[in-house]
C-alpha atoms as a PDB file:
ATOM      1  CA  MET A   1       0.000   0.000   0.000  1.00  0.00           C
ATOM      2  CA  GLU A   2       1.213   3.501  -0.876  1.00  0.00           C
ATOM      3  CA  LYS A   3       1.558   6.225   1.733  1.00  0.00           C
ATOM      4  CA  VAL A   4       0.506   9.012  -0.616  1.00  0.00           C
ATOM      5  CA  ILE A   5      -0.671   9.122  -4.205  1.00  0.00           C
ATOM      6  CA  ILE A   6      -0.770  12.460  -5.992  1.00  0.00           C
ATOM      7  CA  ILE A   7      -3.055  12.752  -9.013  1.00  0.00           C
ATOM      8  CA  GLY A   8      -1.924  15.374 -11.510  1.00  0.00           C
ATOM      9  CA  THR A   9       1.369  16.832 -12.723  1.00  0.00           C
ATOM     10  CA  GLY A  10       0.694  20.549 -12.989  1.00  0.00           C
ATOM     11  CA  PRO A  11       2.163  23.107 -10.567  1.00  0.00           C
ATOM     12  CA  ALA A  12      -0.059  21.851  -7.728  1.00  0.00           C
ATOM     13  CA  GLY A  13       0.650  18.159  -8.183  1.00  0.00           C
ATOM     14  CA  LEU A  14       4.382  18.519  -8.713  1.00  0.00           C
ATOM     15  CA  THR A  15       4.805  20.886  -5.781  1.00  0.00           C
ATOM     16  CA  ALA A  16       2.907  18.418  -3.608  1.00  0.00           C
ATOM     17  CA  ALA A  17       5.213  15.691  -4.932  1.00  0.00           C
ATOM     18  CA  LEU A  18       8.295  17.718  -4.004  1.00  0.00           C
ATOM     19  CA  TYR A  19       7.129  18.353  -0.442  1.00  0.00           C
ATOM     20  CA  ALA A  20       5.897  14.802   0.092  1.00  0.00           C
ATOM     21  CA  ALA A  21       9.136  13.383  -1.293  1.00  0.00           C
ATOM     22  CA  ARG A  22      11.279  15.592   0.941  1.00  0.00           C
ATOM     23  CA  ALA A  23       9.183  14.374   3.877  1.00  0.00           C
ATOM     24  CA  GLY A  24      10.329  10.836   3.077  1.00  0.00           C
ATOM     25  CA  LEU A  25       6.926   9.607   1.843  1.00  0.00           C
ATOM     26  CA  ALA A  26       8.116   8.376  -1.592  1.00  0.00           C
ATOM     27  CA  PRO A  27       4.936   9.637  -3.283  1.00  0.00           C
ATOM     28  CA  LEU A  28       3.529   8.000  -6.382  1.00  0.00           C
ATOM     29  CA  VAL A  29       2.457  10.667  -8.867  1.00  0.00           C
ATOM     30  CA  VAL A  30      -0.202   9.674 -11.394  1.00  0.00           C
ATOM     31  CA  GLU A  31      -0.153  11.753 -14.554  1.00  0.00           C
ATOM     32  CA  GLY A  32      -3.354  12.953 -16.173  1.00  0.00           C
ATOM     33  CA  MET A  33      -4.316  13.260 -19.820  1.00  0.00           C
ATOM     34  CA  GLN A  34      -2.186  16.422 -20.094  1.00  0.00           C
ATOM     35  CA  PRO A  35       1.155  15.902 -18.300  1.00  0.00           C
ATOM     36  CA  GLY A  36       2.338  19.221 -16.960  1.00  0.00           C
ATOM     37  CA  GLY A  37      -1.161  20.683 -16.894  1.00  0.00           C
ATOM     38  CA  GLN A  38      -2.460  23.825 -18.580  1.00  0.00           C
ATOM     39  CA  LEU A  39       0.895  25.553 -18.265  1.00  0.00           C
ATOM     40  CA  THR A  40       2.255  23.389 -21.079  1.00  0.00           C
ATOM     41  CA  THR A  41      -0.035  25.286 -23.488  1.00  0.00           C
ATOM     42  CA  THR A  42       1.741  28.551 -22.635  1.00  0.00           C
ATOM     43  CA  THR A  43       4.795  29.344 -24.738  1.00  0.00           C
ATOM     44  CA  GLU A  44       6.241  31.825 -22.244  1.00  0.00           C
ATOM     45  CA  VAL A  45       5.565  32.287 -18.540  1.00  0.00           C
ATOM     46  CA  GLU A  46       6.610  35.708 -17.264  1.00  0.00           C
ATOM     47  CA  ASN A  47       4.798  35.850 -13.925  1.00  0.00           C
ATOM     48  CA  TYR A  48       6.235  32.853 -12.073  1.00  0.00           C
ATOM     49  CA  PRO A  49       8.681  34.037  -9.377  1.00  0.00           C
ATOM     50  CA  GLY A  50      12.340  33.300  -9.949  1.00  0.00           C
ATOM     51  CA  PHE A  51      12.385  33.625 -13.742  1.00  0.00           C
ATOM     52  CA  PRO A  52      12.952  37.326 -14.496  1.00  0.00           C
ATOM     53  CA  GLU A  53      13.452  36.648 -18.221  1.00  0.00           C
ATOM     54  CA  GLY A  54      10.449  34.326 -18.444  1.00  0.00           C
ATOM     55  CA  ILE A  55      10.420  30.622 -19.204  1.00  0.00           C
ATOM     56  CA  ASP A  56       8.576  28.263 -21.534  1.00  0.00           C
ATOM     57  CA  GLY A  57       5.646  26.621 -19.747  1.00  0.00           C
ATOM     58  CA  THR A  58       6.672  23.076 -20.630  1.00  0.00           C
ATOM     59  CA  ALA A  59      10.264  23.762 -19.584  1.00  0.00           C
ATOM     60  CA  LEU A  60       9.048  25.071 -16.228  1.00  0.00           C
ATOM     61  CA  MET A  61       7.022  21.927 -15.594  1.00  0.00           C
ATOM     62  CA  LEU A  62      10.004  19.745 -16.473  1.00  0.00           C
ATOM     63  CA  LEU A  63      12.039  21.590 -13.853  1.00  0.00           C
ATOM     64  CA  PHE A  64       9.256  20.994 -11.312  1.00  0.00           C
ATOM     65  CA  ARG A  65       9.312  17.293 -12.167  1.00  0.00           C
ATOM     66  CA  ARG A  66      13.093  16.930 -11.993  1.00  0.00           C
ATOM     67  CA  GLN A  67      13.126  18.556  -8.575  1.00  0.00           C
ATOM     68  CA  ALA A  68      10.454  16.180  -7.264  1.00  0.00           C
ATOM     69  CA  GLU A  69      12.255  13.159  -8.770  1.00  0.00           C
ATOM     70  CA  ARG A  70      15.501  14.246  -7.110  1.00  0.00           C
ATOM     71  CA  PHE A  71      13.935  13.570  -3.704  1.00  0.00           C
ATOM     72  CA  GLY A  72      12.329  10.265  -4.624  1.00  0.00           C
ATOM     73  CA  ALA A  73       8.961  10.985  -6.255  1.00  0.00           C
ATOM     74  CA  ARG A  74       7.841   8.194  -8.589  1.00  0.00           C
ATOM     75  CA  PHE A  75       5.628   8.580 -11.656  1.00  0.00           C
ATOM     76  CA  GLU A  76       2.866   6.519 -13.266  1.00  0.00           C
ATOM     77  CA  SER A  77       1.707   7.500 -16.765  1.00  0.00           C
ATOM     78  CA  SER A  78      -1.737   5.866 -16.791  1.00  0.00           C
ATOM     79  CA  PRO A  79      -4.555   8.315 -15.863  1.00  0.00           C
ATOM     80  CA  VAL A  80      -7.047   7.627 -13.072  1.00  0.00           C
ATOM     81  CA  LYS A  81     -10.268   6.091 -14.353  1.00  0.00           C
ATOM     82  CA  ALA A  82     -12.239   5.727 -11.118  1.00  0.00           C
ATOM     83  CA  CYS A  83     -11.822   5.785  -7.367  1.00  0.00           C
ATOM     84  CA  ARG A  84     -13.339   4.507  -4.144  1.00  0.00           C
ATOM     85  CA  PHE A  85     -12.927   6.899  -1.235  1.00  0.00           C
ATOM     86  CA  ARG A  86     -15.988   6.287   0.906  1.00  0.00           C
ATOM     87  CA  GLU A  87     -14.587   3.268   2.731  1.00  0.00           C
ATOM     88  CA  PRO A  88     -11.012   2.303   3.634  1.00  0.00           C
ATOM     89  CA  PRO A  89      -8.589   1.699   2.149  1.00  0.00           C
ATOM     90  CA  LEU A  90      -8.561   4.513  -0.409  1.00  0.00           C
ATOM     91  CA  GLN A  91      -8.526   2.926  -3.855  1.00  0.00           C
ATOM     92  CA  LEU A  92      -7.781   4.145  -7.384  1.00  0.00           C
ATOM     93  CA  GLU A  93      -8.364   2.395 -10.684  1.00  0.00           C
ATOM     94  CA  LEU A  94      -6.129   3.415 -13.579  1.00  0.00           C
ATOM     95  CA  ASP A  95      -6.902   3.337 -17.296  1.00  0.00           C
ATOM     96  CA  SER A  96      -4.372   0.510 -17.559  1.00  0.00           C
ATOM     97  CA  GLY A  97      -6.602  -1.594 -15.306  1.00  0.00           C
ATOM     98  CA  GLU A  98      -4.182  -1.445 -12.380  1.00  0.00           C
ATOM     99  CA  ARG A  99      -5.724  -0.903  -8.949  1.00  0.00           C
ATOM    100  CA  LEU A 100      -3.870   1.042  -6.269  1.00  0.00           C
ATOM    101  CA  GLU A 101      -4.420   1.316  -2.528  1.00  0.00           C
ATOM    102  CA  THR A 102      -3.105   4.187  -0.462  1.00  0.00           C
ATOM    103  CA  GLN A 103      -3.322   5.819   2.932  1.00  0.00           C
ATOM    104  CA  THR A 104      -3.675   9.343   1.524  1.00  0.00           C
ATOM    105  CA  VAL A 105      -4.517  10.973  -1.798  1.00  0.00           C
ATOM    106  CA  ILE A 106      -3.842  14.472  -3.098  1.00  0.00           C
ATOM    107  CA  VAL A 107      -6.171  15.378  -5.974  1.00  0.00           C
ATOM    108  CA  ALA A 108      -4.490  17.955  -8.216  1.00  0.00           C
ATOM    109  CA  THR A 109      -6.153  17.266 -11.549  1.00  0.00           C
ATOM    110  CA  GLY A 110      -6.689  20.922 -12.408  1.00  0.00           C
ATOM    111  CA  ALA A 111      -9.330  22.457 -14.634  1.00  0.00           C
ATOM    112  CA  SER A 112      -9.608  22.748 -18.390  1.00  0.00           C
ATOM    113  CA  ALA A 113     -10.511  25.950 -20.177  1.00  0.00           C
ATOM    114  CA  ILE A 114     -13.581  25.656 -22.362  1.00  0.00           C
ATOM    115  CA  TYR A 115     -12.678  26.705 -25.890  1.00  0.00           C
ATOM    116  CA  LEU A 116     -14.849  27.311 -28.934  1.00  0.00           C
ATOM    117  CA  GLY A 117     -13.912  24.021 -30.569  1.00  0.00           C
ATOM    118  CA  LEU A 118     -12.653  25.450 -33.853  1.00  0.00           C
ATOM    119  CA  PRO A 119      -9.781  23.536 -35.506  1.00  0.00           C
ATOM    120  CA  SER A 120      -7.947  26.779 -36.278  1.00  0.00           C
ATOM    121  CA  GLU A 121      -8.374  27.900 -32.672  1.00  0.00           C
ATOM    122  CA  GLY A 122      -6.914  24.653 -31.364  1.00  0.00           C
ATOM    123  CA  ARG A 123      -3.796  24.983 -33.521  1.00  0.00           C
ATOM    124  CA  LEU A 124      -3.137  28.477 -32.199  1.00  0.00           C
ATOM    125  CA  ILE A 125      -3.555  27.905 -28.451  1.00  0.00           C
ATOM    126  CA  GLY A 126      -0.432  29.386 -26.927  1.00  0.00           C
ATOM    127  CA  HIS A 127       0.314  31.248 -30.162  1.00  0.00           C
ATOM    128  CA  GLY A 128      -2.222  34.061 -30.002  1.00  0.00           C
ATOM    129  CA  VAL A 129      -5.169  32.159 -28.537  1.00  0.00           C
ATOM    130  CA  SER A 130      -5.415  32.143 -24.752  1.00  0.00           C
ATOM    131  CA  ALA A 131      -7.895  31.525 -21.954  1.00  0.00           C
ATOM    132  CA  CYS A 132      -6.067  33.641 -19.366  1.00  0.00           C
ATOM    133  CA  ALA A 133      -5.575  37.394 -19.719  1.00  0.00           C
ATOM    134  CA  THR A 134      -3.739  37.557 -16.400  1.00  0.00           C
ATOM    135  CA  CYS A 135      -1.235  35.009 -17.712  1.00  0.00           C
ATOM    136  CA  ASP A 136      -0.746  36.332 -21.238  1.00  0.00           C
ATOM    137  CA  GLY A 137      -2.110  39.869 -21.475  1.00  0.00           C
ATOM    138  CA  ALA A 138       1.281  41.559 -21.173  1.00  0.00           C
ATOM    139  CA  PHE A 139       2.363  39.968 -24.470  1.00  0.00           C
ATOM    140  CA  TYR A 140      -0.157  42.133 -26.336  1.00  0.00           C
ATOM    141  CA  ARG A 141       1.081  45.638 -25.693  1.00  0.00           C
ATOM    142  CA  GLY A 142      -0.100  48.159 -28.251  1.00  0.00           C
ATOM    143  CA  VAL A 143      -2.005  45.703 -30.441  1.00  0.00           C
ATOM    144  CA  PRO A 144      -5.742  44.942 -30.862  1.00  0.00           C
ATOM    145  CA  VAL A 145      -7.212  41.880 -29.166  1.00  0.00           C
ATOM    146  CA  ALA A 146     -10.634  40.245 -28.847  1.00  0.00           C
ATOM    147  CA  VAL A 147     -12.403  38.583 -25.932  1.00  0.00           C
ATOM    148  CA  VAL A 148     -15.178  36.017 -26.436  1.00  0.00           C
ATOM    149  CA  GLY A 149     -17.810  35.761 -23.715  1.00  0.00           C
ATOM    150  CA  GLY A 150     -20.552  37.599 -21.892  1.00  0.00           C
ATOM    151  CA  GLY A 151     -20.159  36.740 -18.214  1.00  0.00           C
ATOM    152  CA  ASP A 152     -18.222  38.349 -15.403  1.00  0.00           C
ATOM    153  CA  THR A 153     -15.046  36.507 -16.365  1.00  0.00           C
ATOM    154  CA  ALA A 154     -15.164  37.947 -19.873  1.00  0.00           C
ATOM    155  CA  MET A 155     -15.729  41.423 -18.457  1.00  0.00           C
ATOM    156  CA  GLU A 156     -12.760  41.039 -16.106  1.00  0.00           C
ATOM    157  CA  GLU A 157     -10.565  39.784 -18.926  1.00  0.00           C
ATOM    158  CA  ALA A 158     -11.545  42.670 -21.203  1.00  0.00           C
ATOM    159  CA  LEU A 159     -10.928  45.312 -18.541  1.00  0.00           C
ATOM    160  CA  PHE A 160      -7.580  43.775 -17.617  1.00  0.00           C
ATOM    161  CA  LEU A 161      -6.467  43.718 -21.248  1.00  0.00           C
ATOM    162  CA  THR A 162      -7.057  47.469 -21.632  1.00  0.00           C
ATOM    163  CA  ARG A 163      -3.857  47.902 -19.606  1.00  0.00           C
ATOM    164  CA  PHE A 164      -1.887  46.560 -22.556  1.00  0.00           C
ATOM    165  CA  ALA A 165      -3.849  46.292 -25.801  1.00  0.00           C
ATOM    166  CA  SER A 166      -4.483  49.208 -28.144  1.00  0.00           C
ATOM    167  CA  ARG A 167      -8.114  48.138 -28.477  1.00  0.00           C
ATOM    168  CA  VAL A 168     -10.242  45.380 -26.959  1.00  0.00           C
ATOM    169  CA  THR A 169     -13.283  43.991 -28.745  1.00  0.00           C
ATOM    170  CA  VAL A 170     -15.727  41.875 -26.759  1.00  0.00           C
ATOM    171  CA  ILE A 171     -17.583  39.347 -28.910  1.00  0.00           C
ATOM    172  CA  HIS A 172     -20.871  38.069 -27.519  1.00  0.00           C
ATOM    173  CA  ARG A 173     -23.458  35.847 -29.157  1.00  0.00           C
ATOM    174  CA  ARG A 174     -26.409  37.645 -27.565  1.00  0.00           C
ATOM    175  CA  ASP A 175     -27.617  41.246 -27.454  1.00  0.00           C
ATOM    176  CA  ARG A 176     -26.899  41.679 -23.754  1.00  0.00           C
ATOM    177  CA  PHE A 177     -24.292  40.443 -21.313  1.00  0.00           C
ATOM    178  CA  ARG A 178     -24.896  37.752 -18.701  1.00  0.00           C
ATOM    179  CA  ALA A 179     -22.452  39.547 -16.427  1.00  0.00           C
ATOM    180  CA  SER A 180     -23.422  41.441 -13.305  1.00  0.00           C
ATOM    181  CA  ARG A 181     -24.703  44.927 -13.983  1.00  0.00           C
ATOM    182  CA  ILE A 182     -21.708  46.710 -12.498  1.00  0.00           C
ATOM    183  CA  MET A 183     -19.206  44.677 -14.531  1.00  0.00           C
ATOM    184  CA  ALA A 184     -21.188  45.092 -17.734  1.00  0.00           C
ATOM    185  CA  GLU A 185     -21.414  48.859 -17.239  1.00  0.00           C
ATOM    186  CA  ARG A 186     -17.673  49.126 -16.695  1.00  0.00           C
ATOM    187  CA  VAL A 187     -17.048  47.416 -20.011  1.00  0.00           C
ATOM    188  CA  LEU A 188     -19.685  49.374 -21.923  1.00  0.00           C
ATOM    189  CA  GLN A 189     -18.379  52.686 -20.612  1.00  0.00           C
ATOM    190  CA  HIS A 190     -14.693  51.973 -21.168  1.00  0.00           C
ATOM    191  CA  PRO A 191     -13.269  54.085 -24.012  1.00  0.00           C
ATOM    192  CA  ALA A 192     -10.871  51.349 -25.161  1.00  0.00           C
ATOM    193  CA  ILE A 193     -13.486  48.577 -25.454  1.00  0.00           C
ATOM    194  CA  ASP A 194     -15.829  47.856 -28.358  1.00  0.00           C
ATOM    195  CA  VAL A 195     -18.617  45.271 -28.305  1.00  0.00           C
ATOM    196  CA  ARG A 196     -19.774  43.086 -31.179  1.00  0.00           C
ATOM    197  CA  TRP A 197     -23.270  41.943 -30.221  1.00  0.00           C
ATOM    198  CA  ASP A 198     -25.080  38.911 -31.653  1.00  0.00           C
ATOM    199  CA  SER A 199     -21.832  37.611 -33.104  1.00  0.00           C
ATOM    200  CA  VAL A 200     -19.893  34.356 -33.010  1.00  0.00           C
ATOM    201  CA  VAL A 201     -16.363  33.472 -34.074  1.00  0.00           C
ATOM    202  CA  THR A 202     -16.366  31.059 -37.002  1.00  0.00           C
ATOM    203  CA  ASP A 203     -12.639  30.917 -37.720  1.00  0.00           C
ATOM    204  CA  VAL A 204      -9.323  32.144 -36.362  1.00  0.00           C
ATOM    205  CA  MET A 205      -6.821  33.549 -38.835  1.00  0.00           C
ATOM    206  CA  ASP A 206      -4.163  32.477 -39.701  1.00  0.00           C
ATOM    207  CA  PRO A 207      -3.034  29.085 -38.357  1.00  0.00           C
ATOM    208  CA  GLU A 208      -0.768  28.519 -41.355  1.00  0.00           C
ATOM    209  CA  LYS A 209       1.368  31.446 -40.198  1.00  0.00           C
ATOM    210  CA  GLY A 210       1.426  30.162 -36.631  1.00  0.00           C
ATOM    211  CA  GLU A 211      -0.006  33.388 -35.248  1.00  0.00           C
ATOM    212  CA  VAL A 212      -3.342  35.154 -34.925  1.00  0.00           C
ATOM    213  CA  THR A 213      -4.008  37.868 -37.498  1.00  0.00           C
ATOM    214  CA  GLY A 214      -7.778  38.139 -37.117  1.00  0.00           C
ATOM    215  CA  VAL A 215     -11.050  36.358 -36.452  1.00  0.00           C
ATOM    216  CA  LYS A 216     -13.967  35.715 -38.768  1.00  0.00           C
ATOM    217  CA  LEU A 217     -17.314  36.715 -37.288  1.00  0.00           C
ATOM    218  CA  ARG A 218     -20.866  35.795 -38.205  1.00  0.00           C
ATOM    219  CA  HIS A 219     -23.878  37.836 -37.079  1.00  0.00           C
ATOM    220  CA  VAL A 220     -26.311  35.297 -35.641  1.00  0.00           C
ATOM    221  CA  LYS A 221     -29.418  37.237 -36.736  1.00  0.00           C
ATOM    222  CA  THR A 222     -28.479  38.430 -40.230  1.00  0.00           C
ATOM    223  CA  GLY A 223     -25.871  35.842 -41.172  1.00  0.00           C
ATOM    224  CA  ALA A 224     -23.533  38.597 -42.304  1.00  0.00           C
ATOM    225  CA  GLU A 225     -19.837  37.749 -42.049  1.00  0.00           C
ATOM    226  CA  ASP A 226     -16.784  39.948 -41.692  1.00  0.00           C
ATOM    227  CA  LEU A 227     -13.159  39.826 -40.552  1.00  0.00           C
ATOM    228  CA  LEU A 228     -12.003  41.502 -37.337  1.00  0.00           C
ATOM    229  CA  PRO A 229      -8.238  42.168 -37.399  1.00  0.00           C
ATOM    230  CA  VAL A 230      -6.725  41.245 -34.007  1.00  0.00           C
ATOM    231  CA  THR A 231      -3.408  39.893 -32.788  1.00  0.00           C
ATOM    232  CA  GLY A 232      -4.794  37.958 -29.836  1.00  0.00           C
ATOM    233  CA  LEU A 233      -7.989  36.062 -29.027  1.00  0.00           C
ATOM    234  CA  PHE A 234      -8.951  35.456 -25.396  1.00  0.00           C
ATOM    235  CA  VAL A 235     -11.681  32.865 -24.861  1.00  0.00           C
ATOM    236  CA  ALA A 236     -13.560  33.532 -21.631  1.00  0.00           C
ATOM    237  CA  ILE A 237     -16.520  31.179 -21.722  1.00  0.00           C
ATOM    238  CA  GLY A 238     -15.629  29.174 -18.635  1.00  0.00           C
ATOM    239  CA  HIS A 239     -13.486  26.425 -17.135  1.00  0.00           C
ATOM    240  CA  ARG A 240     -14.368  22.819 -16.357  1.00  0.00           C
ATOM    241  CA  PRO A 241     -12.736  21.191 -13.315  1.00  0.00           C
ATOM    242  CA  ASN A 242     -11.282  17.782 -14.106  1.00  0.00           C
ATOM    243  CA  THR A 243     -13.276  15.867 -11.525  1.00  0.00           C
ATOM    244  CA  GLU A 244     -15.004  13.147 -13.542  1.00  0.00           C
ATOM    245  CA  PRO A 245     -13.283  10.211 -11.763  1.00  0.00           C
ATOM    246  CA  PHE A 246     -14.311  11.586  -8.356  1.00  0.00           C
ATOM    247  CA  GLN A 247     -18.026  12.084  -8.918  1.00  0.00           C
ATOM    248  CA  GLY A 248     -19.966  10.724  -5.959  1.00  0.00           C
ATOM    249  CA  GLN A 249     -16.773  10.275  -3.951  1.00  0.00           C
ATOM    250  CA  LEU A 250     -15.963  13.878  -2.979  1.00  0.00           C
ATOM    251  CA  ASP A 251     -18.131  16.843  -2.051  1.00  0.00           C
ATOM    252  CA  MET A 252     -18.322  19.283  -4.974  1.00  0.00           C
ATOM    253  CA  ASP A 253     -20.128  22.504  -5.765  1.00  0.00           C
ATOM    254  CA  SER A 254     -22.657  22.869  -8.570  1.00  0.00           C
ATOM    255  CA  ARG A 255     -19.881  23.511 -11.112  1.00  0.00           C
ATOM    256  CA  GLY A 256     -17.896  20.420 -10.137  1.00  0.00           C
ATOM    257  CA  TYR A 257     -15.141  22.102  -8.106  1.00  0.00           C
ATOM    258  CA  VAL A 258     -14.062  20.080  -5.068  1.00  0.00           C
ATOM    259  CA  ARG A 259     -14.995  21.753  -1.801  1.00  0.00           C
ATOM    260  CA  SER A 260     -12.183  21.933   0.716  1.00  0.00           C
ATOM    261  CA  ARG A 261     -10.957  23.551   3.906  1.00  0.00           C
ATOM    262  CA  ASN A 262      -7.206  24.142   4.031  1.00  0.00           C
ATOM    263  CA  THR A 263      -6.961  21.510   1.251  1.00  0.00           C
ATOM    264  CA  ARG A 264      -8.852  18.921   3.335  1.00  0.00           C
ATOM    265  CA  THR A 265     -11.874  17.375   1.629  1.00  0.00           C
ATOM    266  CA  ASP A 266     -14.877  15.758   3.298  1.00  0.00           C
ATOM    267  CA  VAL A 267     -13.097  12.376   3.142  1.00  0.00           C
ATOM    268  CA  ALA A 268     -10.406  11.637   5.725  1.00  0.00           C
ATOM    269  CA  GLY A 269      -7.027  11.215   4.061  1.00  0.00           C
ATOM    270  CA  VAL A 270      -8.038  12.885   0.789  1.00  0.00           C
ATOM    271  CA  PHE A 271      -6.671  16.348   0.068  1.00  0.00           C
ATOM    272  CA  VAL A 272      -7.049  18.664  -2.893  1.00  0.00           C
ATOM    273  CA  ALA A 273      -4.863  21.328  -4.488  1.00  0.00           C
ATOM    274  CA  GLY A 274      -4.762  23.653  -7.464  1.00  0.00           C
ATOM    275  CA  ASP A 275      -7.389  24.654  -9.992  1.00  0.00           C
ATOM    276  CA  VAL A 276      -9.575  21.622  -9.299  1.00  0.00           C
ATOM    277  CA  GLN A 277     -10.693  23.467  -6.152  1.00  0.00           C
ATOM    278  CA  ASP A 278      -9.979  27.077  -7.244  1.00  0.00           C
ATOM    279  CA  ALA A 279     -12.423  28.833  -9.559  1.00  0.00           C
ATOM    280  CA  VAL A 280     -11.115  32.299  -8.659  1.00  0.00           C
ATOM    281  CA  TYR A 281      -7.353  32.738  -9.091  1.00  0.00           C
ATOM    282  CA  ARG A 282      -6.288  29.934 -11.465  1.00  0.00           C
ATOM    283  CA  GLN A 283      -2.603  30.877 -11.412  1.00  0.00           C
ATOM    284  CA  ALA A 284       0.451  28.631 -11.413  1.00  0.00           C
ATOM    285  CA  VAL A 285       1.833  30.245  -8.287  1.00  0.00           C
ATOM    286  CA  THR A 286      -1.405  29.848  -6.303  1.00  0.00           C
ATOM    287  CA  ALA A 287      -1.721  26.243  -7.477  1.00  0.00           C
ATOM    288  CA  ALA A 288       1.831  25.537  -6.333  1.00  0.00           C
ATOM    289  CA  GLY A 289       1.044  27.092  -2.963  1.00  0.00           C
ATOM    290  CA  THR A 290      -1.928  24.817  -2.377  1.00  0.00           C
ATOM    291  CA  GLY A 291       0.162  21.848  -3.517  1.00  0.00           C
ATOM    292  CA  CYS A 292       2.586  22.652  -0.711  1.00  0.00           C
ATOM    293  CA  MET A 293      -0.313  22.959   1.731  1.00  0.00           C
ATOM    294  CA  ALA A 294      -1.843  19.644   0.689  1.00  0.00           C
ATOM    295  CA  ALA A 295       1.441  17.780   1.091  1.00  0.00           C
ATOM    296  CA  ILE A 296       1.967  19.221   4.554  1.00  0.00           C
ATOM    297  CA  GLU A 297      -1.594  18.304   5.531  1.00  0.00           C
ATOM    298  CA  ALA A 298      -1.130  14.764   4.205  1.00  0.00           C
ATOM    299  CA  THR A 299       2.131  14.405   6.138  1.00  0.00           C
ATOM    300  CA  ARG A 300       0.468  15.538   9.355  1.00  0.00           C
ATOM    301  CA  TYR A 301      -2.456  13.210   8.727  1.00  0.00           C
ATOM    302  CA  LEU A 302      -0.119  10.220   8.341  1.00  0.00           C
ATOM    303  CA  GLU A 303       1.739  11.142  11.519  1.00  0.00           C
ATOM    304  CA  THR A 304      -1.531  11.394  13.436  1.00  0.00           C
ATOM    305  CA  ALA A 305      -2.958   8.197  11.963  1.00  0.00           C
ATOM    306  CA  GLY A 306       0.115   6.405  13.229  1.00  0.00           C
END
């Protein structure tokens, strides 16, 4: 039986692995469908402490992994398919069919940004298409960008981007925002923001060049199409926590985020870290912080459990 199994290899999971390994727990780290997490879709990370010149997202995650391995963390490549947490021992079933038993679990499976689903969009993620203005906005100084969405998150992204972009265009498929009144008014009154109502993005230009040069729009009521020249496209239509294997096993909110208190879940011995329990900040540094917290909590739990 394992002492601790960590599920996920983003900043939260790998930081938890580092702390658990240094505590002598020899953690087993189970990779998800996207090793390294969302950060591997970012070509350059400028806001992670300790890298004043910035660093490639994948390279940063490889450094995290090497540091955890240095202290004895072990890795399993098969994702978790299902789990059984409601009665001891804690059990995990992997896609490979292997079943694991453990005294503690740290769930750090993250969340996935919801994109539009366009092939051209998918090819340009990390190359002009982003789901995080806080992460990538500073790369778009003095150039026009677009934001897709109509909720509070889209409003926040648009307002944040006005600090850098020459012009921000909010694209929304309806004729009014879903956002709170105060956030919507801030966007509508901002001199650097335009709004394209009743419009949807049908294509992102130009994946062949490896960069965004514009987006094709279609008016949902008239069918009219036109091209909006932009250098960046920020998709702000939501995130989906990666909690499918834990349905019915952990307490979650209506959106599927795991509820926790100081990384402790409602199941003894199961802890949670990173974006899978954070719908607010969604930053690498905050995820890493909760990974540290979860590992410390798991260590204390094992000491108490004897």
